[in-house]
Amino acid sequence: VFKFYSQPFAFFDRMSASEQQRLRTAISFLRDNHIAVAVELPAVERTEAQLSVCGRGVEGVVGTGYLQSVANNMKAAGGVIDFFAMDEPFYYSYYLGLNPAEATPGTTPCAYSPNDLAAVVGASFKVVRDVFPGVVLGDIEPYYKVLPNHQTAYTQFLTALRSQIGAEIAFAHDDVSGAEIA
């Protein structure tokens, strides 16, 4: 599995022709060599009005339409998103909402309940799945921070998410900071 960040596809139409061609060449290479593609995507989309309340500048949170743009541009570049790798929705939109002092200065994290977060993430996943019906969902979280005191809430989130998307997450990735383990 080769994982991209979402930004090249979100802004694909703003790239130069040579930059677009480099991305198409990479995608073609991956497809020709049977290498699946993952894209690390923000899983929480909010309207401009919602962003004015919370979420603006918070990692993993984007404006409405971002995911549709990424999916459409990946398809236009000749690619397929096989894995939707969620960019820490539980950490940024639940945990930091309860612990705002740990957030990046100048940002206001949202404080979703596990069930409400699952509904938002489920809707985001459906945007990508409408373009790529075979896409599966996985989660990237700093589990070393989240699980010690929030295991019950995370389990509730995963259970509600399963109800939203009709499947379990396909993988979990522990986003460990080198500074945290040094």
Protein backbone atom coordinates (compact mmCIF):
# COMPACT_ATOMS: atom_id res chain seq x y z
CA VAL A 1 0.00 0.00 0.00
CA PHE A 2 1.32 3.43 -0.98
CA LYS A 3 -0.13 6.32 1.06
CA PHE A 4 -0.54 9.86 -0.24
CA TYR A 5 -1.52 12.91 1.74
CA SER A 6 -4.68 14.53 0.40
CA GLN A 7 -3.31 17.95 -0.53
CA PRO A 8 -1.97 17.09 -4.02
CA PHE A 9 -5.44 15.89 -4.99
CA ALA A 10 -7.32 18.69 -3.26
CA PHE A 11 -5.35 21.22 -5.27
CA PHE A 12 -4.68 19.14 -8.40
CA ASP A 13 -6.45 21.64 -10.65
CA ARG A 14 -4.11 24.39 -9.39
CA MET A 15 -0.93 22.43 -10.19
CA SER A 16 1.17 23.09 -13.25
CA ALA A 17 0.79 20.67 -16.14
CA SER A 18 4.19 19.13 -15.34
CA GLU A 19 3.24 18.62 -11.66
CA GLN A 20 -0.03 17.00 -12.70
CA GLN A 21 1.85 14.71 -15.09
CA ARG A 22 4.29 13.64 -12.35
CA LEU A 23 1.34 12.68 -10.16
CA ARG A 24 -0.36 10.81 -13.01
CA THR A 25 2.89 8.95 -13.70
CA ALA A 26 3.17 7.91 -10.03
CA ILE A 27 -0.44 6.73 -9.99
CA SER A 28 0.06 4.81 -13.23
CA PHE A 29 3.17 3.13 -11.80
CA LEU A 30 1.29 2.07 -8.68
CA ARG A 31 -1.65 0.73 -10.68
CA ASP A 32 0.61 -1.10 -13.18
CA ASN A 33 2.47 -2.75 -10.30
CA HIS A 34 -0.68 -3.69 -8.37
CA ILE A 35 0.13 -1.44 -5.43
CA ALA A 36 -2.96 -0.29 -3.56
CA VAL A 37 -3.40 3.42 -2.85
CA ALA A 38 -4.27 4.95 0.49
CA VAL A 39 -4.96 8.63 0.98
CA GLU A 40 -4.72 10.21 4.41
CA LEU A 41 -7.83 12.34 4.53
CA PRO A 42 -9.47 14.66 7.01
CA ALA A 43 -12.64 12.88 8.09
CA VAL A 44 -14.56 15.87 9.48
CA GLU A 45 -16.10 18.29 7.01
CA ARG A 46 -17.84 21.43 8.29
CA THR A 47 -19.62 24.33 6.63
CA GLU A 48 -18.14 27.80 6.83
CA ALA A 49 -20.69 28.71 9.52
CA GLN A 50 -19.77 25.59 11.52
CA LEU A 51 -16.05 26.36 11.15
CA SER A 52 -16.64 29.80 12.65
CA VAL A 53 -17.78 28.04 15.84
CA CYS A 54 -15.09 25.34 16.02
CA GLY A 55 -12.72 23.35 13.88
CA ARG A 56 -11.02 26.08 11.84
CA GLY A 57 -7.29 25.39 11.70
CA VAL A 58 -7.65 22.06 13.49
CA GLU A 59 -5.93 19.15 11.77
CA GLY A 60 -8.37 16.61 10.36
CA VAL A 61 -11.14 19.20 9.91
CA VAL A 62 -11.87 20.80 6.53
CA GLY A 63 -14.52 22.81 4.78
CA THR A 64 -17.40 21.19 2.96
CA GLY A 65 -16.44 20.00 -0.52
CA TYR A 66 -12.83 19.14 0.25
CA LEU A 67 -13.35 15.37 0.14
CA GLN A 68 -15.40 15.56 -3.05
CA SER A 69 -12.59 17.54 -4.67
CA VAL A 70 -9.95 15.02 -3.57
CA ALA A 71 -11.99 12.07 -4.85
CA ASN A 72 -12.83 13.73 -8.17
CA ASN A 73 -9.25 14.83 -8.75
CA MET A 74 -7.84 11.39 -7.89
CA LYS A 75 -10.20 9.91 -10.46
CA ALA A 76 -9.23 12.59 -13.02
CA ALA A 77 -5.57 11.72 -12.41
CA GLY A 78 -6.34 8.09 -13.28
CA GLY A 79 -6.21 6.78 -9.74
CA VAL A 80 -8.38 4.94 -7.28
CA ILE A 81 -8.56 5.43 -3.54
CA ASP A 82 -8.42 1.92 -2.08
CA PHE A 83 -7.97 3.03 1.53
CA PHE A 84 -9.42 6.14 3.21
CA ALA A 85 -6.92 6.68 6.04
CA MET A 86 -8.69 8.96 8.52
CA ASP A 87 -6.52 11.77 9.86
CA GLU A 88 -7.10 11.37 13.60
CA PRO A 89 -10.78 12.29 13.88
CA PHE A 90 -11.16 10.97 17.42
CA TYR A 91 -8.10 12.79 18.68
CA TYR A 92 -8.79 16.15 17.02
CA SER A 93 -12.58 16.26 17.26
CA TYR A 94 -13.28 14.43 20.51
CA TYR A 95 -10.18 14.23 22.72
CA LEU A 96 -8.95 17.79 22.10
CA GLY A 97 -12.50 19.07 22.54
CA LEU A 98 -12.29 17.73 26.09
CA ASN A 99 -8.67 18.91 26.49
CA PRO A 100 -8.50 22.26 24.64
CA ALA A 101 -5.36 23.34 26.51
CA GLU A 102 -3.48 20.71 24.44
CA ALA A 103 -4.70 22.19 21.13
CA THR A 104 -2.62 24.36 18.83
CA PRO A 105 -2.84 27.97 20.07
CA GLY A 106 -5.45 29.99 18.18
CA THR A 107 -7.58 26.96 17.28
CA THR A 108 -10.84 25.79 18.79
CA PRO A 109 -11.32 22.03 18.51
CA CYS A 110 -14.86 20.72 18.28
CA ALA A 111 -16.11 18.53 21.11
CA TYR A 112 -18.19 15.91 19.32
CA SER A 113 -19.71 13.05 21.24
CA PRO A 114 -18.53 9.64 19.98
CA ASN A 115 -21.90 9.05 18.26
CA ASP A 116 -22.04 12.49 16.63
CA LEU A 117 -18.44 12.13 15.46
CA ALA A 118 -19.27 8.76 13.92
CA ALA A 119 -22.17 10.34 12.01
CA VAL A 120 -19.92 13.09 10.63
CA VAL A 121 -17.13 10.65 9.73
CA GLY A 122 -19.64 8.26 8.17
CA ALA A 123 -20.99 11.05 5.95
CA SER A 124 -17.43 11.98 4.94
CA PHE A 125 -16.61 8.37 4.07
CA LYS A 126 -19.76 8.11 1.94
CA VAL A 127 -18.59 11.09 -0.16
CA VAL A 128 -15.45 9.16 -1.14
CA ARG A 129 -17.25 5.81 -1.41
CA ASP A 130 -19.71 7.33 -3.91
CA VAL A 131 -16.74 7.92 -6.24
CA PHE A 132 -14.79 4.77 -5.28
CA PRO A 133 -17.27 2.06 -4.20
CA GLY A 134 -14.51 -0.37 -3.17
CA VAL A 135 -12.78 2.01 -0.75
CA VAL A 136 -12.28 0.81 2.81
CA LEU A 137 -11.81 2.90 5.92
CA GLY A 138 -8.93 2.89 8.39
CA ASP A 139 -8.02 5.11 11.31
CA ILE A 140 -4.83 6.91 12.25
CA GLU A 141 -4.77 8.09 15.87
CA PRO A 142 -2.20 8.78 18.57
CA TYR A 143 -3.49 5.78 20.52
CA TYR A 144 -0.88 6.27 23.24
CA LYS A 145 -2.72 9.50 24.13
CA VAL A 146 -6.30 8.48 23.39
CA LEU A 147 -6.71 4.98 24.76
CA PRO A 148 -5.46 5.21 28.34
CA ASN A 149 -8.44 7.29 29.53
CA HIS A 150 -10.85 7.21 26.57
CA GLN A 151 -11.03 3.55 25.56
CA THR A 152 -14.78 3.32 26.25
CA ALA A 153 -15.52 6.44 24.20
CA TYR A 154 -13.31 5.22 21.34
CA THR A 155 -15.10 1.86 21.34
CA GLN A 156 -18.43 3.72 21.27
CA PHE A 157 -17.16 5.78 18.30
CA LEU A 158 -16.09 2.62 16.41
CA THR A 159 -19.39 0.88 17.13
CA ALA A 160 -21.40 3.88 15.93
CA LEU A 161 -19.14 4.24 12.89
CA ARG A 162 -19.70 0.58 11.98
CA SER A 163 -23.45 1.32 12.00
CA GLN A 164 -22.88 4.35 9.75
CA ILE A 165 -20.74 2.65 7.10
CA GLY A 166 -21.84 -0.98 7.39
CA ALA A 167 -18.34 -2.32 8.04
CA GLU A 168 -15.51 -2.41 10.56
CA ILE A 169 -12.49 -0.19 10.00
CA ALA A 170 -9.92 -2.12 7.95
CA PHE A 171 -6.84 -0.95 9.84
CA ALA A 172 -5.58 1.16 12.70
CA HIS A 173 -2.29 3.09 12.60
CA ASP A 174 -0.70 4.43 15.79
CA ASP A 175 0.60 7.91 15.02
CA VAL A 176 3.45 8.02 17.50
CA SER A 177 5.51 11.17 17.79
CA GLY A 178 9.25 10.63 18.14
CA ALA A 179 9.25 13.26 20.88
CA GLU A 180 6.70 11.24 22.83
CA ILE A 181 8.78 8.05 22.89
CA ALA A 182 12.25 9.55 23.24
